[in-house]
C-alpha atoms as a PDB file:
ATOM      1  CA  MET A   1     165.065  80.307 205.416  1.00  0.00           C
ATOM      2  CA  PRO A   2     164.343  77.446 207.844  1.00  0.00           C
ATOM      3  CA  LYS A   3     163.407  74.017 206.535  1.00  0.00           C
ATOM      4  CA  ASN A   4     159.900  74.104 208.018  1.00  0.00           C
ATOM      5  CA  ILE A   5     159.157  77.450 206.360  1.00  0.00           C
ATOM      6  CA  ARG A   6     160.254  76.020 203.006  1.00  0.00           C
ATOM      7  CA  ARG A   7     158.035  73.002 203.596  1.00  0.00           C
ATOM      8  CA  PHE A   8     155.132  75.309 204.433  1.00  0.00           C
ATOM      9  CA  ALA A   9     155.703  77.293 201.236  1.00  0.00           C
ATOM     10  CA  TRP A  10     155.840  74.173 199.055  1.00  0.00           C
ATOM     11  CA  LEU A  11     152.809  72.556 200.661  1.00  0.00           C
ATOM     12  CA  TRP A  12     150.767  75.755 200.533  1.00  0.00           C
ATOM     13  CA  GLY A  13     151.704  76.195 196.876  1.00  0.00           C
ATOM     14  CA  ALA A  14     150.798  72.581 196.164  1.00  0.00           C
ATOM     15  CA  ALA A  15     147.434  73.058 197.877  1.00  0.00           C
ATOM     16  CA  CYS A  16     146.733  76.122 195.724  1.00  0.00           C
ATOM     17  CA  LEU A  17     147.822  74.310 192.569  1.00  0.00           C
ATOM     18  CA  VAL A  18     145.745  71.206 193.294  1.00  0.00           C
ATOM     19  CA  GLY A  19     142.821  73.407 194.339  1.00  0.00           C
ATOM     20  CA  SER A  20     142.949  75.333 191.077  1.00  0.00           C
ATOM     21  CA  THR A  21     142.567  72.081 189.132  1.00  0.00           C
ATOM     22  CA  TRP A  22     139.109  71.751 190.690  1.00  0.00           C
ATOM     23  CA  PHE A  23     137.924  74.506 188.326  1.00  0.00           C
ATOM     24  CA  LEU A  24     138.990  72.400 185.344  1.00  0.00           C
ATOM     25  CA  LEU A  25     136.860  69.452 186.404  1.00  0.00           C
ATOM     26  CA  PRO A  26     133.360  69.073 184.991  1.00  0.00           C
ATOM     27  CA  HIS A  27     130.795  70.257 187.497  1.00  0.00           C
ATOM     28  CA  GLN A  28     127.529  72.114 187.694  1.00  0.00           C
ATOM     29  CA  PRO A  29     127.733  75.692 186.433  1.00  0.00           C
ATOM     30  CA  LEU A  30     127.961  78.527 188.914  1.00  0.00           C
ATOM     31  CA  SER A  31     124.609  79.765 190.071  1.00  0.00           C
ATOM     32  CA  PRO A  32     123.899  83.030 191.833  1.00  0.00           C
ATOM     33  CA  THR A  33     123.337  82.683 195.569  1.00  0.00           C
ATOM     34  CA  ARG A  34     121.792  85.082 198.042  1.00  0.00           C
ATOM     35  CA  ASN A  35     121.438  87.936 195.584  1.00  0.00           C
ATOM     36  CA  LEU A  36     125.044  87.655 194.315  1.00  0.00           C
ATOM     37  CA  SER A  37     125.588  87.438 190.589  1.00  0.00           C
ATOM     38  CA  VAL A  38     128.191  85.181 188.986  1.00  0.00           C
ATOM     39  CA  PRO A  39     130.610  88.088 188.327  1.00  0.00           C
ATOM     40  CA  ALA A  40     130.256  89.107 191.981  1.00  0.00           C
ATOM     41  CA  LEU A  41     131.086  85.548 193.085  1.00  0.00           C
ATOM     42  CA  ILE A  42     134.153  85.501 190.834  1.00  0.00           C
ATOM     43  CA  ALA A  43     135.250  88.885 192.187  1.00  0.00           C
ATOM     44  CA  LEU A  44     134.792  87.643 195.749  1.00  0.00           C
ATOM     45  CA  VAL A  45     136.975  84.607 195.072  1.00  0.00           C
ATOM     46  CA  ALA A  46     139.624  86.817 193.427  1.00  0.00           C
ATOM     47  CA  VAL A  47     139.709  89.183 196.414  1.00  0.00           C
ATOM     48  CA  ALA A  48     139.957  86.279 198.876  1.00  0.00           C
ATOM     49  CA  PHE A  49     142.822  84.777 196.859  1.00  0.00           C
ATOM     50  CA  ALA A  50     144.627  88.135 196.746  1.00  0.00           C
ATOM     51  CA  ILE A  51     144.324  88.544 200.519  1.00  0.00           C
ATOM     52  CA  SER A  52     145.625  85.014 201.053  1.00  0.00           C
ATOM     53  CA  LEU A  53     148.531  85.653 198.701  1.00  0.00           C
ATOM     54  CA  VAL A  54     149.532  88.810 200.575  1.00  0.00           C
ATOM     55  CA  LEU A  55     149.320  86.988 203.912  1.00  0.00           C
ATOM     56  CA  PHE A  56     151.385  84.123 202.488  1.00  0.00           C
ATOM     57  CA  TRP A  57     154.060  86.565 201.320  1.00  0.00           C
ATOM     58  CA  GLU A  58     154.104  88.302 204.698  1.00  0.00           C
ATOM     59  CA  THR A  59     154.478  84.918 206.415  1.00  0.00           C
ATOM     60  CA  VAL A  60     157.190  83.418 204.253  1.00  0.00           C
ATOM     61  CA  ARG A  61     159.282  86.400 203.215  1.00  0.00           C
ATOM     62  CA  ARG A  62     158.724  89.104 205.805  1.00  0.00           C
ATOM     63  CA  ARG A  63     158.490  86.883 208.920  1.00  0.00           C
ATOM     64  CA  LYS A  64     155.217  88.425 210.086  1.00  0.00           C
ATOM     65  CA  ASN A  65     153.684  86.366 212.867  1.00  0.00           C
ATOM     66  CA  TYR A  66     150.266  88.040 212.505  1.00  0.00           C
ATOM     67  CA  ALA A  67     150.100  86.841 208.892  1.00  0.00           C
ATOM     68  CA  ARG A  68     150.789  83.258 209.936  1.00  0.00           C
ATOM     69  CA  TRP A  69     147.971  83.415 212.465  1.00  0.00           C
ATOM     70  CA  ALA A  70     145.626  85.175 210.032  1.00  0.00           C
ATOM     71  CA  LEU A  71     146.169  82.435 207.435  1.00  0.00           C
ATOM     72  CA  PHE A  72     145.529  79.799 210.052  1.00  0.00           C
ATOM     73  CA  ALA A  73     142.374  81.592 211.228  1.00  0.00           C
ATOM     74  CA  LEU A  74     141.056  81.750 207.657  1.00  0.00           C
ATOM     75  CA  PHE A  75     141.810  78.040 207.223  1.00  0.00           C
ATOM     76  CA  ALA A  76     140.156  77.143 210.533  1.00  0.00           C
ATOM     77  CA  LEU A  77     137.061  79.243 209.782  1.00  0.00           C
ATOM     78  CA  ALA A  78     136.640  77.670 206.342  1.00  0.00           C
ATOM     79  CA  LEU A  79     137.366  74.117 207.496  1.00  0.00           C
ATOM     80  CA  PRO A  80     133.815  73.093 208.524  1.00  0.00           C
ATOM     81  CA  LYS A  81     132.411  74.395 205.252  1.00  0.00           C
ATOM     82  CA  GLN A  82     135.112  72.634 203.246  1.00  0.00           C
ATOM     83  CA  ILE A  83     134.493  69.339 205.033  1.00  0.00           C
ATOM     84  CA  ILE A  84     130.784  69.632 204.233  1.00  0.00           C
ATOM     85  CA  TYR A  85     131.600  70.400 200.578  1.00  0.00           C
ATOM     86  CA  VAL A  86     133.842  67.323 200.388  1.00  0.00           C
ATOM     87  CA  THR A  87     130.863  65.152 201.301  1.00  0.00           C
ATOM     88  CA  LEU A  88     128.488  66.935 198.893  1.00  0.00           C
ATOM     89  CA  GLU A  89     130.614  66.722 195.743  1.00  0.00           C
ATOM     90  CA  HIS A  90     128.998  64.893 192.860  1.00  0.00           C
ATOM     91  CA  SER A  91     132.012  62.988 191.586  1.00  0.00           C
ATOM     92  CA  ALA A  92     134.724  61.024 193.331  1.00  0.00           C
ATOM     93  CA  LEU A  93     137.396  63.067 191.552  1.00  0.00           C
ATOM     94  CA  GLN A  94     136.006  66.343 192.887  1.00  0.00           C
ATOM     95  CA  MET A  95     135.866  64.864 196.383  1.00  0.00           C
ATOM     96  CA  ALA A  96     139.444  63.647 196.083  1.00  0.00           C
ATOM     97  CA  VAL A  97     140.711  67.044 194.916  1.00  0.00           C
ATOM     98  CA  ARG A  98     139.083  68.874 197.832  1.00  0.00           C
ATOM     99  CA  PHE A  99     140.303  66.265 200.306  1.00  0.00           C
ATOM    100  CA  VAL A 100     143.886  66.493 199.018  1.00  0.00           C
ATOM    101  CA  VAL A 101     143.766  70.293 199.271  1.00  0.00           C
ATOM    102  CA  LEU A 102     142.620  70.033 202.893  1.00  0.00           C
ATOM    103  CA  LEU A 103     145.387  67.560 203.721  1.00  0.00           C
ATOM    104  CA  LEU A 104     148.083  69.660 202.038  1.00  0.00           C
ATOM    105  CA  ALA A 105     146.951  72.825 203.824  1.00  0.00           C
ATOM    106  CA  ALA A 106     146.795  71.049 207.196  1.00  0.00           C
ATOM    107  CA  ALA A 107     150.310  69.683 206.679  1.00  0.00           C
ATOM    108  CA  ALA A 108     151.526  73.151 205.684  1.00  0.00           C
ATOM    109  CA  PHE A 109     150.171  74.633 208.896  1.00  0.00           C
ATOM    110  CA  PHE A 110     151.783  71.864 210.914  1.00  0.00           C
ATOM    111  CA  PHE A 111     155.185  72.886 209.564  1.00  0.00           C
ATOM    112  CA  VAL A 112     154.699  76.637 209.925  1.00  0.00           C
ATOM    113  CA  PHE A 113     153.932  76.249 213.640  1.00  0.00           C
ATOM    114  CA  THR A 114     156.563  73.651 214.603  1.00  0.00           C
ATOM    115  CA  GLY A 115     160.302  73.089 214.681  1.00  0.00           C
ATOM    116  CA  ASP A 116     162.639  75.747 213.363  1.00  0.00           C
ATOM    117  CA  ALA A 117     159.717  77.936 212.234  1.00  0.00           C
ATOM    118  CA  LYS A 118     159.390  79.326 215.768  1.00  0.00           C
ATOM    119  CA  ALA A 119     162.771  81.033 215.534  1.00  0.00           C
ATOM    120  CA  TRP A 120     161.846  82.428 212.109  1.00  0.00           C
ATOM    121  CA  PHE A 121     159.013  84.463 213.602  1.00  0.00           C
ATOM    122  CA  HIS A 122     160.683  85.163 216.935  1.00  0.00           C
ATOM    123  CA  PRO A 123     164.422  85.699 216.339  1.00  0.00           C
ATOM    124  CA  GLU A 124     164.938  86.603 220.000  1.00  0.00           C
ATOM    125  CA  TYR A 125     164.153  82.968 220.964  1.00  0.00           C
ATOM    126  CA  SER A 126     166.927  81.559 218.789  1.00  0.00           C
ATOM    127  CA  LYS A 127     169.700  83.217 220.795  1.00  0.00           C
END
């Protein structure tokens, strides 16, 4: 496995780990939004995480280029919302956690699209 793919995997894992600590921080309780109940919100988050995990596996282990682009598209689509949430957090610690997650994910995507990662997804270019 190329060095940049390993870096992507570690940074993506670190972003998920740091992001999961956000749930341990004290914050306002979940409230239903737009006719969604709390269990529905939790199920939605679980499904989104499962889809991301499958795409991550396809990217890192099975060399699927579409999965790399799908992960990046999901990150890019969520980026404006995440930046807004960073500014709306109630505590400095919550803001810091979200900001670190964004930085780790951005760094991960830098590595998965540069250097020796290109040959990982397109073996015909490495010849």
